[in-house]
Amino acid sequence: MCPTLSPDWITLIQSAATFHQLGVLRRELLGRTDIVDADSAQPTATLHLLHDLLIKQAVELAIRSCTRFGMGNPPVPYVLLAFGSGGRMEQAQTSDQDSGLVYQLPAAASQQERQELETYFAYLAETLVRGLAEAGYPECSGGVVCANPRWRGSLEQWQTLYDGWAQEPVWEHVRYLLLCADARPLCGDFRLYGQLRTHYQQVLTSHPQLFHRMLHNTLYYRVPLNVFGRIRRELRGRYQGAINLKYGVYLPYVNSIRLWALASGIRATSSLARIAGLRDAGIWPHSFCDEVARQFRKILLLRLLPAQQWQDGQYESNSYLKPEALPGGPDELKSIIKTVLRLQKRTKHRFADPSGIPGYTGWLR
């Protein structure tokens, strides 16, 4: 059953005339207790729809700003991409903005036309990023926002970027490729995204050694469980006694699931959809898919708790969780962590040594 939003909520958001008004609505709507269905197969689906609607209205406000300054509507087809948890449809109530912008160059565009298009979309992107920050979506700390020229350009420029990253797969370039695996179109011409995604798949097919490189990035984050099976907590500072749920639990799941999905040619961006794809393709045993999906749904709900625990309004606090506050206590968290350890072990075994794996180039479909 597909989640839906109240028509009243949709009308309220679409009637917001300023970024400030949008921020007021964001706080009001995302603070509601009825936007999460804990018993659903996708418990935070309605929350995701709200984020999408708020961001789409921000795009509309940014375009209106272009019009007021005499620049008009977007002169060529474009698509706004969401990365990170937004691309995976897994945001908590508080979310930052990770975005990219792709536009289409006219055939045989002159240098002046190219510059005019870049000027327009630079203004649009900067207005959008500032406006979203005002509405309560802080910029990605790593600068992955469409106001950054690296994450804005023509379709051809994006394709060239993908090619360059694959040909020189240093740590940072591999990180960018993994980040782009989660790209999801938010608004604009989705056909541009389709062309870009097809090129992405072609890059992976042409450079199968990338999966070995991606393994290092995938297993980068350590889970907070020591060799004695005890939860490793923050020892000092504001978050003393808590764990970093985002980097210690959530992302280790996300990263491993993503690598398996990419190697299996699964184009879904959400982790639960990727697990379903791995199950349908027979890549993982059904029992393992069920276990990973069950634990991951718990994580999606746990990511909603930090905002209630800290209540300090700081985005960083969104990552830290006090284990004692969980319904099942620390033991519930241990169970979730032990599953991700099994997942990481399976992932390491599969992708560690490409030279010794027959049919390596046949991973992609």
Protein backbone atom coordinates (compact mmCIF):
# COMPACT_ATOMS: atom_id res chain seq x y z
CA MET A 1 0.00 0.00 0.00
CA CYS A 2 1.48 3.34 -1.08
CA PRO A 3 1.73 6.05 1.58
CA THR A 4 -0.21 9.25 0.95
CA LEU A 5 -0.17 12.75 2.35
CA SER A 6 -3.17 14.66 3.64
CA PRO A 7 -4.47 17.02 0.92
CA ASP A 8 -4.46 19.75 3.58
CA TRP A 9 -0.72 19.25 4.16
CA ILE A 10 -0.04 19.39 0.42
CA THR A 11 -2.05 22.60 0.07
CA LEU A 12 -0.24 24.20 3.03
CA ILE A 13 3.20 23.43 1.66
CA GLN A 14 2.39 24.48 -1.89
CA SER A 15 0.98 27.78 -0.61
CA ALA A 16 4.21 28.73 1.19
CA ALA A 17 5.37 31.99 -0.40
CA THR A 18 8.75 32.35 1.35
CA PHE A 19 11.50 30.06 2.59
CA HIS A 20 10.76 31.23 6.13
CA GLN A 21 7.14 30.09 5.82
CA LEU A 22 8.37 26.79 4.45
CA GLY A 23 10.58 26.38 7.51
CA VAL A 24 7.66 27.01 9.86
CA LEU A 25 5.65 24.33 8.08
CA ARG A 26 8.61 21.95 8.11
CA ARG A 27 8.93 22.17 11.89
CA GLU A 28 5.19 21.78 12.38
CA LEU A 29 4.61 18.85 10.03
CA LEU A 30 7.80 16.90 10.70
CA GLY A 31 7.19 17.20 14.43
CA ARG A 32 3.92 15.28 14.22
CA THR A 33 3.69 11.82 15.73
CA ASP A 34 1.39 10.42 13.04
CA ILE A 35 3.84 10.66 10.15
CA VAL A 36 5.53 7.37 11.06
CA ASP A 37 3.91 3.96 10.81
CA ALA A 38 6.09 1.70 12.95
CA ASP A 39 4.22 -1.42 11.80
CA SER A 40 4.62 -0.68 8.09
CA ALA A 41 7.09 -2.40 5.78
CA GLN A 42 8.43 1.12 5.11
CA PRO A 43 7.85 2.90 8.44
CA THR A 44 9.19 6.31 7.41
CA ALA A 45 7.63 6.48 3.92
CA THR A 46 5.26 9.35 4.80
CA LEU A 47 8.15 11.26 6.37
CA HIS A 48 10.04 10.88 3.10
CA LEU A 49 7.10 12.19 1.08
CA LEU A 50 6.93 15.28 3.31
CA HIS A 51 10.61 16.03 2.80
CA ASP A 52 10.20 15.67 -0.96
CA LEU A 53 7.22 18.01 -1.07
CA LEU A 54 8.98 20.64 1.04
CA ILE A 55 12.08 20.55 -1.17
CA LYS A 56 10.02 20.72 -4.37
CA GLN A 57 8.30 23.82 -3.07
CA ALA A 58 11.71 25.30 -2.30
CA VAL A 59 12.65 24.73 -5.95
CA GLU A 60 9.48 26.53 -7.01
CA LEU A 61 10.38 29.48 -4.76
CA ALA A 62 13.92 29.58 -6.20
CA ILE A 63 12.53 29.66 -9.76
CA ARG A 64 10.19 32.50 -8.77
CA SER A 65 13.24 34.39 -7.55
CA CYS A 66 14.87 33.92 -10.96
CA THR A 67 11.72 35.27 -12.59
CA ARG A 68 11.63 38.34 -10.32
CA PHE A 69 15.19 39.17 -11.31
CA GLY A 70 14.31 38.99 -14.99
CA MET A 71 15.99 35.63 -15.63
CA GLY A 72 12.76 33.74 -16.31
CA ASN A 73 12.03 30.04 -15.99
CA PRO A 74 14.72 27.39 -16.60
CA PRO A 75 15.71 27.88 -20.27
CA VAL A 76 16.54 24.20 -20.93
CA PRO A 77 15.49 20.87 -19.41
CA TYR A 78 17.09 20.17 -16.03
CA VAL A 79 16.77 17.73 -13.15
CA LEU A 80 17.51 18.21 -9.47
CA LEU A 81 19.08 15.17 -7.82
CA ALA A 82 18.99 14.16 -4.17
CA PHE A 83 21.96 12.27 -2.73
CA GLY A 84 22.57 10.74 0.71
CA SER A 85 19.62 9.76 2.86
CA GLY A 86 17.38 11.89 0.65
CA GLY A 87 18.38 9.89 -2.41
CA ARG A 88 17.77 6.68 -0.48
CA MET A 89 14.43 7.98 0.88
CA GLU A 90 15.64 7.37 4.46
CA GLN A 91 15.68 10.81 6.10
CA ALA A 92 14.96 11.33 9.77
CA GLN A 93 12.90 14.37 10.86
CA THR A 94 16.03 16.50 10.67
CA SER A 95 17.93 16.23 7.40
CA ASP A 96 20.67 18.14 5.65
CA GLN A 97 20.71 18.84 1.93
CA ASP A 98 22.81 16.76 -0.47
CA SER A 99 21.99 17.75 -4.02
CA GLY A 100 23.15 17.88 -7.61
CA LEU A 101 21.82 19.66 -10.68
CA VAL A 102 22.00 18.41 -14.28
CA TYR A 103 20.89 20.40 -17.29
CA GLN A 104 20.77 19.77 -21.03
CA LEU A 105 22.88 21.76 -23.46
CA PRO A 106 21.27 22.62 -26.79
CA ALA A 107 22.86 20.95 -29.82
CA ALA A 108 25.92 22.89 -31.01
CA ALA A 109 25.60 25.43 -28.19
CA SER A 110 28.08 28.30 -28.49
CA GLN A 111 30.48 29.22 -25.72
CA GLN A 112 28.32 32.25 -24.89
CA GLU A 113 25.19 30.09 -24.65
CA ARG A 114 27.01 27.68 -22.38
CA GLN A 115 28.07 30.55 -20.13
CA GLU A 116 24.56 31.99 -20.02
CA LEU A 117 23.14 28.61 -19.00
CA GLU A 118 25.77 28.19 -16.31
CA THR A 119 25.00 31.70 -15.00
CA TYR A 120 21.28 30.92 -14.79
CA PHE A 121 21.64 27.57 -13.05
CA ALA A 122 24.33 28.89 -10.71
CA TYR A 123 21.91 31.57 -9.52
CA LEU A 124 19.06 29.08 -9.26
CA ALA A 125 21.23 26.63 -7.29
CA GLU A 126 22.61 29.26 -4.91
CA THR A 127 19.10 30.60 -4.24
CA LEU A 128 17.81 27.09 -3.59
CA VAL A 129 20.64 26.09 -1.26
CA ARG A 130 20.36 29.31 0.78
CA GLY A 131 16.59 28.99 0.89
CA LEU A 132 16.66 25.37 2.05
CA ALA A 133 19.11 26.34 4.79
CA GLU A 134 16.66 29.03 5.91
CA ALA A 135 13.87 26.45 5.85
CA GLY A 136 15.79 24.14 8.17
CA TYR A 137 17.88 21.97 5.83
CA PRO A 138 21.55 22.75 6.57
CA GLU A 139 24.10 22.32 3.82
CA CYS A 140 25.98 19.04 3.60
CA SER A 141 29.21 19.45 5.60
CA GLY A 142 31.14 17.94 2.69
CA GLY A 143 29.89 20.54 0.24
CA VAL A 144 27.74 18.15 -1.78
CA VAL A 145 25.18 20.75 -2.82
CA CYS A 146 24.21 22.03 -6.25
CA ALA A 147 25.54 25.50 -5.42
CA ASN A 148 29.00 23.90 -5.55
CA PRO A 149 30.14 23.86 -9.22
CA ARG A 150 31.39 20.29 -8.78
CA TRP A 151 27.79 19.13 -8.33
CA ARG A 152 26.22 21.21 -11.08
CA GLY A 153 26.67 21.01 -14.83
CA SER A 154 25.47 19.75 -18.17
CA LEU A 155 24.72 16.08 -18.79
CA GLU A 156 27.94 15.81 -20.79
CA GLN A 157 29.96 17.33 -17.92
CA TRP A 158 28.48 14.82 -15.47
CA GLN A 159 29.25 11.93 -17.79
CA THR A 160 32.84 13.14 -18.15
CA LEU A 161 33.09 13.35 -14.35
CA TYR A 162 31.97 9.74 -13.97
CA ASP A 163 34.51 8.62 -16.59
CA GLY A 164 37.34 10.51 -14.89
CA TRP A 165 36.55 9.18 -11.43
CA ALA A 166 36.49 5.61 -12.73
CA GLN A 167 39.76 6.00 -14.63
CA GLU A 168 41.50 7.40 -11.54
CA PRO A 169 39.87 5.47 -8.66
CA VAL A 170 41.56 7.15 -5.71
CA TRP A 171 39.68 7.14 -2.40
CA GLU A 172 37.87 10.43 -2.98
CA HIS A 173 36.80 9.57 -6.53
CA VAL A 174 35.42 6.22 -5.41
CA ARG A 175 33.55 8.03 -2.64
CA TYR A 176 31.96 10.30 -5.24
CA LEU A 177 30.93 7.33 -7.38
CA LEU A 178 29.31 5.63 -4.39
CA LEU A 179 27.56 8.85 -3.48
CA CYS A 180 26.17 9.11 -7.04
CA ALA A 181 24.85 5.55 -6.78
CA ASP A 182 22.21 6.94 -4.42
CA ALA A 183 21.18 9.77 -6.76
CA ARG A 184 17.40 10.12 -7.13
CA PRO A 185 15.55 12.67 -9.29
CA LEU A 186 13.42 15.12 -7.31
CA CYS A 187 12.01 17.47 -9.91
CA GLY A 188 12.58 18.53 -13.48
CA ASP A 189 13.06 16.30 -16.53
CA PHE A 190 13.56 12.77 -15.23
CA ARG A 191 14.77 11.64 -18.66
CA LEU A 192 18.06 13.43 -17.99
CA TYR A 193 18.47 11.37 -14.83
CA GLY A 194 17.72 8.21 -16.84
CA GLN A 195 20.49 9.02 -19.32
CA LEU A 196 22.92 9.80 -16.52
CA ARG A 197 22.06 6.60 -14.65
CA THR A 198 22.54 4.53 -17.80
CA HIS A 199 25.98 6.07 -18.25
CA TYR A 200 26.77 5.30 -14.61
CA GLN A 201 25.97 1.63 -15.16
CA GLN A 202 28.12 1.62 -18.30
CA VAL A 203 31.03 3.04 -16.30
CA LEU A 204 30.75 0.23 -13.76
CA THR A 205 30.53 -2.39 -16.49
CA SER A 206 33.64 -0.99 -18.17
CA HIS A 207 35.62 -0.83 -14.92
CA PRO A 208 34.75 -3.96 -12.89
CA GLN A 209 37.84 -3.46 -10.74
CA LEU A 210 35.98 -0.58 -9.13
CA PHE A 211 34.11 -2.99 -6.86
CA HIS A 212 37.33 -3.98 -5.15
CA ARG A 213 38.14 -0.31 -4.70
CA MET A 214 34.65 0.38 -3.41
CA LEU A 215 35.07 -2.26 -0.72
CA HIS A 216 37.54 -0.08 1.21
CA ASN A 217 35.09 2.80 1.32
CA THR A 218 32.21 0.44 2.10
CA LEU A 219 33.87 -1.00 5.21
CA TYR A 220 35.31 2.32 6.38
CA TYR A 221 33.01 2.82 9.37
CA ARG A 222 33.53 0.64 12.44
CA VAL A 223 30.54 -0.64 14.34
CA PRO A 224 30.39 0.29 18.07
CA LEU A 225 30.88 -3.21 19.50
CA ASN A 226 34.16 -4.26 21.09
CA VAL A 227 35.80 -7.71 21.06
CA PHE A 228 34.01 -8.60 24.31
CA GLY A 229 30.60 -7.97 22.75
CA ARG A 230 30.03 -4.73 24.64
CA ILE A 231 28.69 -1.56 23.11
CA ARG A 232 31.39 1.04 22.54
CA ARG A 233 30.13 4.44 23.74
CA GLU A 234 31.35 8.01 23.55
CA LEU A 235 33.70 8.48 26.52
CA ARG A 236 33.57 12.25 26.90
CA GLY A 237 31.98 15.43 25.66
CA ARG A 238 28.36 16.35 25.02
CA TYR A 239 27.44 12.84 23.83
CA GLN A 240 29.14 10.89 26.60
CA GLY A 241 27.47 7.50 27.07
CA ALA A 242 25.78 7.58 23.65
CA ILE A 243 26.70 5.87 20.39
CA ASN A 244 26.98 7.39 16.94
CA LEU A 245 24.00 5.66 15.33
CA LYS A 246 24.58 7.22 11.91
CA TYR A 247 28.23 6.28 11.41
CA GLY A 248 28.38 3.24 13.64
CA VAL A 249 25.19 1.40 12.67
CA TYR A 250 23.12 3.01 9.91
CA LEU A 251 25.84 3.69 7.33
CA PRO A 252 27.55 0.29 7.74
CA TYR A 253 24.24 -1.29 6.71
CA VAL A 254 23.65 1.19 3.89
CA ASN A 255 27.16 0.86 2.45
CA SER A 256 27.26 -2.92 2.29
CA ILE A 257 23.74 -3.22 0.87
CA ARG A 258 24.60 -0.63 -1.79
CA LEU A 259 27.75 -2.43 -2.95
CA TRP A 260 25.89 -5.72 -3.41
CA ALA A 261 23.10 -3.94 -5.28
CA LEU A 262 25.51 -2.16 -7.62
CA ALA A 263 27.35 -5.38 -8.40
CA SER A 264 24.04 -7.08 -9.15
CA GLY A 265 22.78 -4.36 -11.51
CA ILE A 266 19.97 -3.32 -9.15
CA ARG A 267 19.07 0.32 -9.83
CA ALA A 268 16.92 0.95 -6.75
CA THR A 269 18.27 3.61 -4.40
CA SER A 270 16.49 2.84 -1.13
CA SER A 271 18.15 0.20 1.04
CA LEU A 272 14.93 -1.78 1.55
CA ALA A 273 14.27 -1.85 -2.20
CA ARG A 274 17.84 -2.98 -2.78
CA ILE A 275 17.41 -5.82 -0.29
CA ALA A 276 14.21 -6.83 -2.09
CA GLY A 277 16.11 -6.80 -5.38
CA LEU A 278 18.86 -9.02 -3.96
CA ARG A 279 16.20 -11.41 -2.67
CA ASP A 280 14.35 -11.55 -5.99
CA ALA A 281 17.58 -12.12 -7.90
CA GLY A 282 18.62 -14.93 -5.56
CA ILE A 283 21.84 -13.12 -4.64
CA TRP A 284 21.23 -13.55 -0.89
CA PRO A 285 19.31 -16.37 0.80
CA HIS A 286 15.73 -15.37 1.63
CA SER A 287 16.34 -15.86 5.35
CA PHE A 288 19.31 -13.47 5.31
CA CYS A 289 17.35 -10.88 3.29
CA ASP A 290 14.52 -11.08 5.81
CA GLU A 291 16.89 -10.63 8.74
CA VAL A 292 18.73 -7.65 7.23
CA ALA A 293 15.46 -5.98 6.18
CA ARG A 294 13.90 -6.50 9.62
CA GLN A 295 16.90 -4.99 11.40
CA PHE A 296 17.14 -2.14 8.94
CA ARG A 297 13.51 -1.16 9.52
CA LYS A 298 14.36 -0.96 13.23
CA ILE A 299 17.24 1.37 12.40
CA LEU A 300 14.96 3.69 10.44
CA LEU A 301 12.82 4.02 13.56
CA LEU A 302 15.81 4.40 15.88
CA ARG A 303 17.01 7.33 13.77
CA LEU A 304 13.93 9.23 14.92
CA LEU A 305 14.86 8.98 18.61
CA PRO A 306 17.90 11.31 18.90
CA ALA A 307 15.79 14.41 18.23
CA GLN A 308 13.65 13.44 21.23
CA GLN A 309 16.63 12.55 23.43
CA TRP A 310 18.73 15.70 22.98
CA GLN A 311 16.22 18.42 22.03
CA ASP A 312 19.02 20.92 21.49
CA GLY A 313 18.19 21.77 17.88
CA GLN A 314 21.69 20.90 16.70
CA TYR A 315 21.96 18.86 13.51
CA GLU A 316 24.97 16.91 14.85
CA SER A 317 22.86 15.55 17.71
CA ASN A 318 20.70 13.78 15.16
CA SER A 319 23.41 11.08 14.91
CA TYR A 320 23.77 10.17 18.60
CA LEU A 321 21.60 7.71 20.47
CA LYS A 322 21.41 6.75 24.15
CA PRO A 323 21.03 2.92 24.13
CA GLU A 324 19.17 2.76 27.45
CA ALA A 325 16.26 4.68 25.91
CA LEU A 326 15.53 1.94 23.37
CA PRO A 327 12.36 -0.14 23.82
CA GLY A 328 14.50 -3.28 24.09
CA GLY A 329 17.43 -1.59 25.82
CA PRO A 330 21.09 -2.16 24.84
CA ASP A 331 20.41 -5.82 23.98
CA GLU A 332 18.19 -4.77 21.08
CA LEU A 333 20.99 -2.60 19.75
CA LYS A 334 23.49 -5.46 20.09
CA SER A 335 21.27 -7.68 17.98
CA ILE A 336 21.16 -5.03 15.24
CA ILE A 337 24.93 -4.57 15.36
CA LYS A 338 25.63 -8.32 15.20
CA THR A 339 23.62 -8.55 11.99
CA VAL A 340 25.61 -5.76 10.35
CA LEU A 341 28.83 -7.52 11.38
CA ARG A 342 27.62 -10.62 9.54
CA LEU A 343 26.73 -8.44 6.57
CA GLN A 344 30.15 -6.80 6.52
CA LYS A 345 31.87 -10.19 6.76
CA ARG A 346 29.85 -11.50 3.81
CA THR A 347 30.64 -8.31 1.85
CA LYS A 348 34.38 -8.52 2.53
CA HIS A 349 34.49 -12.17 1.47
CA ARG A 350 32.67 -11.40 -1.79
CA PHE A 351 34.61 -8.35 -2.95
CA ALA A 352 38.04 -8.58 -1.29
CA ASP A 353 40.04 -10.27 -4.07
CA PRO A 354 38.70 -9.68 -7.57
CA SER A 355 41.59 -11.54 -9.22
CA GLY A 356 40.49 -14.75 -7.56
CA ILE A 357 36.81 -14.56 -8.41
CA PRO A 358 35.80 -16.30 -11.64
CA GLY A 359 33.41 -14.32 -13.82
CA TYR A 360 34.29 -11.05 -12.11
CA THR A 361 33.34 -9.05 -15.20
CA GLY A 362 29.98 -10.77 -15.21
CA TRP A 363 28.79 -9.27 -11.92
CA LEU A 364 26.89 -6.55 -13.70
CA ARG A 365 23.83 -7.30 -15.75
